[in-house]
C-alpha atoms as a PDB file:
ATOM      1  CA  MET A   1     212.994  95.845 104.274  1.00  0.00           C
ATOM      2  CA  SER A   2     209.608  95.467 102.588  1.00  0.00           C
ATOM      3  CA  GLU A   3     208.819  92.216 104.395  1.00  0.00           C
ATOM      4  CA  GLU A   4     205.457  92.146 106.205  1.00  0.00           C
ATOM      5  CA  ASN A   5     204.988  90.517 109.584  1.00  0.00           C
ATOM      6  CA  PRO A   6     203.192  87.159 109.438  1.00  0.00           C
ATOM      7  CA  LYS A   7     199.740  86.801 110.993  1.00  0.00           C
ATOM      8  CA  CYS A   8     199.541  85.358 114.493  1.00  0.00           C
ATOM      9  CA  PRO A   9     197.967  81.860 114.385  1.00  0.00           C
ATOM     10  CA  GLU A  10     196.055  82.615 117.617  1.00  0.00           C
ATOM     11  CA  CYS A  11     194.559  86.090 117.136  1.00  0.00           C
ATOM     12  CA  GLY A  12     195.283  86.861 113.458  1.00  0.00           C
ATOM     13  CA  THR A  13     196.986  90.222 113.967  1.00  0.00           C
ATOM     14  CA  THR A  14     200.273  91.242 112.347  1.00  0.00           C
ATOM     15  CA  ASN A  15     201.436  93.113 115.453  1.00  0.00           C
ATOM     16  CA  ASN A  16     204.403  90.813 116.173  1.00  0.00           C
ATOM     17  CA  TYR A  17     208.178  90.609 116.015  1.00  0.00           C
ATOM     18  CA  PHE A  18     210.882  87.991 115.441  1.00  0.00           C
ATOM     19  CA  ASP A  19     213.128  87.505 118.487  1.00  0.00           C
ATOM     20  CA  GLY A  20     215.797  85.417 116.769  1.00  0.00           C
ATOM     21  CA  SER A  21     214.163  82.001 117.023  1.00  0.00           C
ATOM     22  CA  LEU A  22     210.415  82.612 117.461  1.00  0.00           C
ATOM     23  CA  ASN A  23     207.764  85.037 116.283  1.00  0.00           C
ATOM     24  CA  VAL A  24     206.073  86.726 119.257  1.00  0.00           C
ATOM     25  CA  CYS A  25     202.636  88.377 119.106  1.00  0.00           C
ATOM     26  CA  MET A  26     202.473  91.627 121.082  1.00  0.00           C
ATOM     27  CA  ASP A  27     198.667  91.397 121.438  1.00  0.00           C
ATOM     28  CA  CYS A  28     198.119  87.857 122.777  1.00  0.00           C
ATOM     29  CA  TYR A  29     201.766  86.920 123.603  1.00  0.00           C
ATOM     30  CA  HIS A  30     201.574  83.729 121.515  1.00  0.00           C
ATOM     31  CA  GLU A  31     204.966  82.428 120.319  1.00  0.00           C
ATOM     32  CA  TRP A  32     205.384  80.307 117.176  1.00  0.00           C
ATOM     33  CA  THR A  33     207.877  79.168 114.555  1.00  0.00           C
ATOM     34  CA  GLU A  34     207.411  79.463 110.790  1.00  0.00           C
ATOM     35  CA  GLU A  35     206.812  75.678 110.581  1.00  0.00           C
ATOM     36  CA  GLU A  36     203.985  75.893 113.138  1.00  0.00           C
ATOM     37  CA  ALA A  37     202.373  78.762 111.215  1.00  0.00           C
ATOM     38  CA  SER A  38     202.425  76.859 107.915  1.00  0.00           C
ATOM     39  CA  SER A  39     201.006  73.677 109.496  1.00  0.00           C
ATOM     40  CA  ALA A  40     198.259  75.724 111.189  1.00  0.00           C
ATOM     41  CA  ALA A  41     197.316  77.242 107.828  1.00  0.00           C
ATOM     42  CA  GLU A  42     197.031  73.756 106.306  1.00  0.00           C
ATOM     43  CA  LYS A  43     194.846  72.528 109.172  1.00  0.00           C
ATOM     44  CA  SER A  44     192.381  75.403 108.825  1.00  0.00           C
ATOM     45  CA  ILE A  45     191.235  74.320 105.348  1.00  0.00           C
ATOM     46  CA  CYS A  46     187.746  72.823 105.569  1.00  0.00           C
ATOM     47  CA  LYS A  47     187.406  69.539 103.620  1.00  0.00           C
ATOM     48  CA  ASP A  48     184.536  67.089 103.099  1.00  0.00           C
ATOM     49  CA  SER A  49     184.704  63.300 103.587  1.00  0.00           C
ATOM     50  CA  ASN A  50     186.401  62.878 100.174  1.00  0.00           C
ATOM     51  CA  GLY A  51     189.026  65.557 100.813  1.00  0.00           C
ATOM     52  CA  VAL A  52     187.395  68.182  98.578  1.00  0.00           C
ATOM     53  CA  GLU A  53     187.794  71.745  99.883  1.00  0.00           C
ATOM     54  CA  LEU A  54     184.560  73.356 101.113  1.00  0.00           C
ATOM     55  CA  GLU A  55     183.694  77.055 100.890  1.00  0.00           C
ATOM     56  CA  ASP A  56     180.927  79.279 102.249  1.00  0.00           C
ATOM     57  CA  GLY A  57     177.708  78.831 100.272  1.00  0.00           C
ATOM     58  CA  ASP A  58     178.503  75.352  98.943  1.00  0.00           C
ATOM     59  CA  ALA A  59     175.796  72.704  98.607  1.00  0.00           C
ATOM     60  CA  VAL A  60     176.635  69.343 100.183  1.00  0.00           C
ATOM     61  CA  THR A  61     175.003  65.937 100.690  1.00  0.00           C
ATOM     62  CA  VAL A  62     174.825  63.977 103.965  1.00  0.00           C
ATOM     63  CA  ILE A  63     176.476  60.527 103.556  1.00  0.00           C
ATOM     64  CA  LYS A  64     175.114  58.833 106.697  1.00  0.00           C
ATOM     65  CA  ASP A  65     171.900  58.879 108.763  1.00  0.00           C
ATOM     66  CA  LEU A  66     172.559  61.287 111.647  1.00  0.00           C
ATOM     67  CA  LYS A  67     170.630  61.550 114.924  1.00  0.00           C
ATOM     68  CA  VAL A  68     170.295  65.133 116.129  1.00  0.00           C
ATOM     69  CA  LYS A  69     171.271  65.536 119.783  1.00  0.00           C
ATOM     70  CA  GLY A  70     168.470  66.826 121.985  1.00  0.00           C
ATOM     71  CA  SER A  71     165.822  66.001 119.398  1.00  0.00           C
ATOM     72  CA  SER A  72     164.007  63.038 117.923  1.00  0.00           C
ATOM     73  CA  MET A  73     164.928  64.317 114.452  1.00  0.00           C
ATOM     74  CA  VAL A  74     167.064  62.157 112.144  1.00  0.00           C
ATOM     75  CA  ILE A  75     168.863  63.588 109.128  1.00  0.00           C
ATOM     76  CA  LYS A  76     168.620  60.908 106.433  1.00  0.00           C
ATOM     77  CA  ARG A  77     171.466  59.864 104.165  1.00  0.00           C
ATOM     78  CA  GLY A  78     171.250  61.705 100.844  1.00  0.00           C
ATOM     79  CA  THR A  79     169.784  64.897 102.344  1.00  0.00           C
ATOM     80  CA  LYS A  80     170.961  67.886 100.311  1.00  0.00           C
ATOM     81  CA  VAL A  81     172.096  70.888 102.339  1.00  0.00           C
ATOM     82  CA  LYS A  82     172.398  74.257 100.577  1.00  0.00           C
ATOM     83  CA  SER A  83     174.381  77.329 101.583  1.00  0.00           C
ATOM     84  CA  ILE A  84     176.658  75.966 104.285  1.00  0.00           C
ATOM     85  CA  LYS A  85     178.662  78.401 106.400  1.00  0.00           C
ATOM     86  CA  LEU A  86     182.173  77.565 107.550  1.00  0.00           C
ATOM     87  CA  THR A  87     183.031  77.928 111.229  1.00  0.00           C
ATOM     88  CA  GLU A  88     186.358  78.625 112.926  1.00  0.00           C
ATOM     89  CA  ASP A  89     186.699  74.868 113.455  1.00  0.00           C
ATOM     90  CA  PRO A  90     187.572  73.301 110.065  1.00  0.00           C
ATOM     91  CA  GLU A  91     185.748  70.090 111.057  1.00  0.00           C
ATOM     92  CA  LEU A  92     182.353  71.811 111.544  1.00  0.00           C
ATOM     93  CA  VAL A  93     179.915  73.701 109.280  1.00  0.00           C
ATOM     94  CA  ASP A  94     176.712  75.642 110.075  1.00  0.00           C
ATOM     95  CA  CYS A  95     173.626  74.964 107.980  1.00  0.00           C
ATOM     96  CA  LYS A  96     169.826  74.917 108.016  1.00  0.00           C
ATOM     97  CA  ILE A  97     167.857  71.703 107.624  1.00  0.00           C
ATOM     98  CA  GLY A  98     164.077  71.791 107.869  1.00  0.00           C
ATOM     99  CA  GLY A  99     164.187  75.368 109.161  1.00  0.00           C
ATOM    100  CA  SER A 100     166.463  74.443 112.087  1.00  0.00           C
ATOM    101  CA  GLY A 101     170.003  75.736 112.427  1.00  0.00           C
ATOM    102  CA  ILE A 102     172.353  72.765 112.814  1.00  0.00           C
ATOM    103  CA  VAL A 103     176.118  72.262 113.038  1.00  0.00           C
ATOM    104  CA  LEU A 104     177.399  69.230 111.117  1.00  0.00           C
ATOM    105  CA  LYS A 105     180.771  67.526 111.056  1.00  0.00           C
ATOM    106  CA  THR A 106     182.448  67.659 107.660  1.00  0.00           C
ATOM    107  CA  CYS A 107     183.315  63.936 107.822  1.00  0.00           C
ATOM    108  CA  PHE A 108     179.601  63.200 107.206  1.00  0.00           C
ATOM    109  CA  LEU A 109     179.316  65.472 104.153  1.00  0.00           C
ATOM    110  CA  LYS A 110     180.296  65.298 100.493  1.00  0.00           C
ATOM    111  CA  LYS A 111     180.314  68.091  97.942  1.00  0.00           C
END
């Protein structure tokens, strides 16, 4: 058999086995079905407010005035943000605005 083991949705390793009904990871002991793995892969794609896929280094525009928690700073609608970085959470991106590192929700961004 030349079939490779699928990656674990929890830890990402291929150190797992199929026990007849579930895949079992030997590193983190997570158990999953093939359907769960494919739906997890779909969820991990980072998309903007219009459903366009985002990638590391993309330039985006803020679509709504946003108050920054813990600061009096407001990010105005139409602010262009260059070189975003994707996070493990597909709904969040890291970026720099005005020299400050900020995490923004993708639902407030458009490519």
